């Protein structure tokens, strides 16, 4: 699995697969406005436009994965960096997957749209500053498939998959705050993972670093840690500076 993922990420990032395993952090110049950091246990890359790229030359791994470090280097508020992460990336294939089934978890259909919308509204009200990847307002697009755990006909946890490419689908998961730590996220994520593995050899789990509840679910289902990731877009006026 590791070699396949190294090739996938090297192609996605525009570096060589060996750059991810050389026992060091390699700086890779790019003309793109987006900076990308991917760090594996055996090395990693920082990809971005000079001169901003070279802020990372003497940085620690923790600094490289911290948007505040990059914002300080550039002399801008962190709010000006449109960023994703830092996150843990984990993967599972059919050999590693350990399903956790439950009769109250099922695939959602278009007839569930109103209940999906209600679930999204509750999440937005309870955690307005948190981005919920699967809160789609009652719509299920062609590139997304959803599963839910229901109590008395009400969704308490919802997970889904969406296609990254023909070899890989990604799982996303949300559980209502009052129903967390009760096992609902695990069974929904299990159903979504099984759905992903029916479509592709690999399924990806992306969780914020230090989000232990999310990581525990992933490990329980057999996901294996691969790398830490951060990407951000340079603010207007800094690109090409």
Protein backbone atom coordinates (compact mmCIF):
# COMPACT_ATOMS: atom_id res chain seq x y z
CA UNK A 1 0.00 0.00 0.00
CA UNK A 2 2.80 2.43 0.93
CA UNK A 3 4.50 2.34 -2.47
CA UNK A 4 1.16 2.85 -4.26
CA UNK A 5 0.42 5.85 -2.04
CA UNK A 6 3.89 7.30 -2.58
CA UNK A 7 3.36 7.15 -6.34
CA UNK A 8 -0.13 8.64 -6.04
CA UNK A 9 1.01 11.56 -3.89
CA UNK A 10 4.16 12.19 -5.92
CA UNK A 11 2.03 12.55 -9.05
CA UNK A 12 -0.52 14.73 -7.25
CA UNK A 13 2.15 17.03 -5.78
CA UNK A 14 4.53 17.13 -8.72
CA UNK A 15 7.55 15.57 -7.02
CA UNK A 16 9.33 12.21 -7.14
CA UNK A 17 8.12 9.30 -5.02
CA UNK A 18 11.61 8.94 -3.54
CA UNK A 19 11.33 12.52 -2.20
CA UNK A 20 8.82 11.24 0.36
CA UNK A 21 11.20 8.62 1.80
CA UNK A 22 14.68 10.16 1.86
CA UNK A 23 14.87 10.72 5.60
CA UNK A 24 14.71 14.49 5.18
CA UNK A 25 12.29 17.25 4.23
CA UNK A 26 12.92 18.22 0.62
CA UNK A 27 12.08 21.73 -0.64
CA UNK A 28 10.62 21.59 -4.15
CA UNK A 29 10.22 24.90 -6.06
CA UNK A 30 6.92 25.43 -7.85
CA UNK A 31 5.24 28.19 -9.83
CA UNK A 32 1.86 27.44 -8.24
CA UNK A 33 0.24 29.88 -5.83
CA UNK A 34 -0.59 27.05 -3.43
CA UNK A 35 1.98 25.70 -0.99
CA UNK A 36 1.76 22.03 -0.08
CA UNK A 37 3.42 20.17 2.77
CA UNK A 38 3.29 16.37 3.01
CA UNK A 39 5.38 14.69 5.70
CA UNK A 40 5.73 10.91 6.06
CA UNK A 41 7.55 9.03 8.85
CA UNK A 42 10.53 8.75 6.48
CA UNK A 43 10.77 12.24 4.98
CA UNK A 44 8.50 14.52 3.04
CA UNK A 45 8.25 17.59 0.83
CA UNK A 46 7.45 21.26 1.02
CA UNK A 47 6.32 22.50 -2.38
CA UNK A 48 5.77 26.16 -3.21
CA UNK A 49 7.06 29.27 -4.95
CA UNK A 50 10.38 30.85 -3.94
CA UNK A 51 11.17 32.83 -1.87
CA UNK A 52 8.38 31.76 0.49
CA UNK A 53 9.37 28.12 0.08
CA UNK A 54 12.70 28.72 1.79
CA UNK A 55 11.09 29.80 5.05
CA UNK A 56 10.90 26.07 5.63
CA UNK A 57 14.63 25.41 5.28
CA UNK A 58 15.39 25.45 9.02
CA UNK A 59 11.89 24.78 10.35
CA UNK A 60 10.88 21.85 12.54
CA UNK A 61 8.21 19.38 11.45
CA UNK A 62 5.75 20.97 13.88
CA UNK A 63 6.41 24.41 12.40
CA UNK A 64 6.03 23.17 8.83
CA UNK A 65 2.57 21.86 9.68
CA UNK A 66 1.46 25.02 11.50
CA UNK A 67 -0.33 27.71 9.43
CA UNK A 68 0.64 30.26 12.10
CA UNK A 69 4.33 29.66 11.41
CA UNK A 70 3.91 30.39 7.71
CA UNK A 71 1.73 33.44 8.37
CA UNK A 72 4.36 34.85 10.73
CA UNK A 73 7.12 34.25 8.17
CA UNK A 74 5.13 36.16 5.57
CA UNK A 75 4.09 38.92 7.96
CA UNK A 76 0.36 38.41 7.51
CA UNK A 77 -2.48 37.34 9.84
CA UNK A 78 -3.17 33.62 9.70
CA UNK A 79 -6.73 34.49 8.64
CA UNK A 80 -5.30 35.57 5.26
CA UNK A 81 -4.10 32.04 4.53
CA UNK A 82 -6.79 29.90 2.98
CA UNK A 83 -5.64 26.55 4.29
CA UNK A 84 -6.59 22.93 4.86
CA UNK A 85 -5.01 21.05 7.73
CA UNK A 86 -2.85 20.20 9.39
CA UNK A 87 -4.37 16.77 9.03
CA UNK A 88 -3.57 13.11 9.44
CA UNK A 89 -3.99 10.99 6.31
CA UNK A 90 -4.78 7.30 6.75
CA UNK A 91 -5.74 4.60 4.27
CA UNK A 92 -7.39 1.21 4.23
CA UNK A 93 -7.72 -1.54 1.65
CA UNK A 94 -9.83 -4.69 1.62
CA UNK A 95 -7.12 -6.71 3.37
CA UNK A 96 -6.89 -4.34 6.35
CA UNK A 97 -10.54 -3.35 6.70
CA UNK A 98 -12.26 -4.47 9.93
CA UNK A 99 -16.00 -3.78 9.49
CA UNK A 100 -18.24 -2.80 12.40
CA UNK A 101 -21.83 -3.49 11.40
CA UNK A 102 -25.04 -2.30 13.05
CA UNK A 103 -28.64 -2.72 11.97
CA UNK A 104 -29.43 0.97 12.61
CA UNK A 105 -26.93 2.17 9.97
CA UNK A 106 -28.05 2.19 6.34
CA UNK A 107 -27.38 3.92 3.04
CA UNK A 108 -29.38 7.11 2.66
CA UNK A 109 -31.67 7.72 -0.29
CA UNK A 110 -33.22 10.79 -1.89
CA UNK A 111 -36.30 10.23 0.23
CA UNK A 112 -34.07 11.03 3.23
CA UNK A 113 -33.29 14.53 1.91
CA UNK A 114 -35.40 16.36 4.50
CA UNK A 115 -33.78 14.45 7.35
CA UNK A 116 -30.30 15.09 5.91
CA UNK A 117 -31.15 18.81 5.81
CA UNK A 118 -32.34 18.72 9.44
CA UNK A 119 -29.10 17.01 10.47
CA UNK A 120 -27.09 19.72 8.67
CA UNK A 121 -29.04 22.53 10.36
CA UNK A 122 -28.40 21.05 13.81
CA UNK A 123 -24.67 20.76 13.16
CA UNK A 124 -24.52 24.33 11.90
CA UNK A 125 -26.36 25.60 14.97
CA UNK A 126 -24.29 23.61 17.45
CA UNK A 127 -20.88 24.22 15.84
CA UNK A 128 -21.16 27.26 13.55
CA UNK A 129 -17.40 27.77 13.22
CA UNK A 130 -16.62 24.16 12.32
CA UNK A 131 -16.50 23.05 8.68
CA UNK A 132 -18.66 19.95 8.25
CA UNK A 133 -17.65 18.25 5.03
CA UNK A 134 -20.83 16.22 4.69
CA UNK A 135 -23.41 18.84 5.57
CA UNK A 136 -24.86 19.19 2.09
CA UNK A 137 -28.23 20.73 2.83
CA UNK A 138 -30.33 17.76 1.83
CA UNK A 139 -28.74 17.27 -1.57
CA UNK A 140 -26.93 14.09 -2.61
CA UNK A 141 -24.83 14.83 -5.68
CA UNK A 142 -23.67 12.29 -8.25
CA UNK A 143 -20.19 12.29 -6.71
CA UNK A 144 -21.33 11.60 -3.13
CA UNK A 145 -22.95 8.65 -1.43
CA UNK A 146 -24.22 8.88 2.13
CA UNK A 147 -24.92 6.54 5.03
CA UNK A 148 -26.62 7.32 8.31
CA UNK A 149 -27.28 5.92 11.75
CA UNK A 150 -30.86 6.60 12.79
CA UNK A 151 -32.66 6.61 16.15
CA UNK A 152 -36.46 6.73 15.87
CA UNK A 153 -36.11 7.81 12.24
CA UNK A 154 -33.72 10.70 13.03
CA UNK A 155 -30.15 10.78 11.75
CA UNK A 156 -27.65 11.01 14.59
CA UNK A 157 -24.50 10.30 12.56
CA UNK A 158 -23.85 10.63 8.85
CA UNK A 159 -20.91 9.55 6.73
CA UNK A 160 -20.22 9.56 3.06
CA UNK A 161 -17.73 8.92 0.33
CA UNK A 162 -16.67 10.93 -2.64
CA UNK A 163 -14.40 10.06 -5.51
CA UNK A 164 -10.82 11.31 -5.57
CA UNK A 165 -9.88 9.26 -8.64
CA UNK A 166 -10.59 5.80 -10.01
CA UNK A 167 -8.23 4.23 -7.47
CA UNK A 168 -9.34 6.15 -4.41
CA UNK A 169 -12.45 7.37 -2.58
CA UNK A 170 -12.46 9.52 0.56
CA UNK A 171 -14.64 9.06 3.66
CA UNK A 172 -16.14 11.96 5.60
CA UNK A 173 -18.02 11.69 8.88
CA UNK A 174 -20.16 13.88 11.18
CA UNK A 175 -22.00 12.95 14.37
CA UNK A 176 -24.35 15.19 16.32
CA UNK A 177 -22.56 16.41 19.48
CA UNK A 178 -24.98 14.81 21.97
CA UNK A 179 -24.57 11.38 20.30
CA UNK A 180 -20.77 11.28 20.14
CA UNK A 181 -18.73 8.64 21.97
CA UNK A 182 -21.58 6.16 21.67
CA UNK A 183 -20.31 4.12 18.69
CA UNK A 184 -22.55 5.67 16.03
CA UNK A 185 -19.67 7.25 14.13
CA UNK A 186 -17.86 3.92 13.95
CA UNK A 187 -20.75 2.00 12.41
CA UNK A 188 -21.53 4.75 9.90
CA UNK A 189 -17.86 5.12 8.94
CA UNK A 190 -17.68 1.34 8.57
CA UNK A 191 -20.62 1.31 6.17
CA UNK A 192 -19.18 4.21 4.17
CA UNK A 193 -15.75 2.55 4.02
CA UNK A 194 -17.27 -0.68 2.76
CA UNK A 195 -19.07 1.35 0.10
CA UNK A 196 -15.80 2.97 -0.94
CA UNK A 197 -13.93 -0.32 -1.12
CA UNK A 198 -16.65 -1.69 -3.41
CA UNK A 199 -15.69 1.06 -5.87
CA UNK A 200 -11.91 1.41 -5.53
CA UNK A 201 -8.88 -0.39 -4.05
CA UNK A 202 -8.19 2.31 -1.42
CA UNK A 203 -10.21 4.58 0.86
CA UNK A 204 -8.76 7.70 2.49
CA UNK A 205 -9.46 9.07 5.97
CA UNK A 206 -8.43 12.67 6.64
CA UNK A 207 -8.71 14.04 10.18
CA UNK A 208 -7.34 17.11 11.93
CA UNK A 209 -4.12 16.36 13.79
CA UNK A 210 -4.85 15.58 17.44
CA UNK A 211 -8.50 14.76 16.71
CA UNK A 212 -8.24 11.61 18.80
CA UNK A 213 -11.91 10.52 18.55
CA UNK A 214 -11.72 10.57 14.75
CA UNK A 215 -8.38 8.77 14.70
CA UNK A 216 -9.66 6.09 17.08
CA UNK A 217 -12.52 5.33 14.68
CA UNK A 218 -10.09 5.07 11.78
CA UNK A 219 -7.75 2.71 13.63
CA UNK A 220 -10.70 0.58 14.79
CA UNK A 221 -11.69 0.06 11.16
CA UNK A 222 -8.18 -0.86 10.07
CA UNK A 223 -7.01 2.43 8.54
CA UNK A 224 -3.24 2.77 8.61
CA UNK A 225 -1.48 6.13 9.12
CA UNK A 226 0.39 7.41 6.11
CA UNK A 227 1.34 11.10 6.39
CA UNK A 228 0.61 14.56 7.80
CA UNK A 229 -0.59 17.21 5.36
CA UNK A 230 -1.03 20.97 5.19
CA UNK A 231 -1.75 23.14 2.19
CA UNK A 232 -2.50 26.82 1.91
CA UNK A 233 -2.92 29.47 -0.75
CA UNK A 234 -0.66 32.52 -0.74
CA UNK A 235 -2.55 35.78 -0.16
CA UNK A 236 -2.99 38.27 -2.95
CA UNK A 237 0.10 40.45 -3.21
CA UNK A 238 2.50 37.82 -1.89
CA UNK A 239 2.43 35.43 -4.82
CA UNK A 240 5.43 36.13 -6.99
CA UNK A 241 6.84 38.57 -4.42
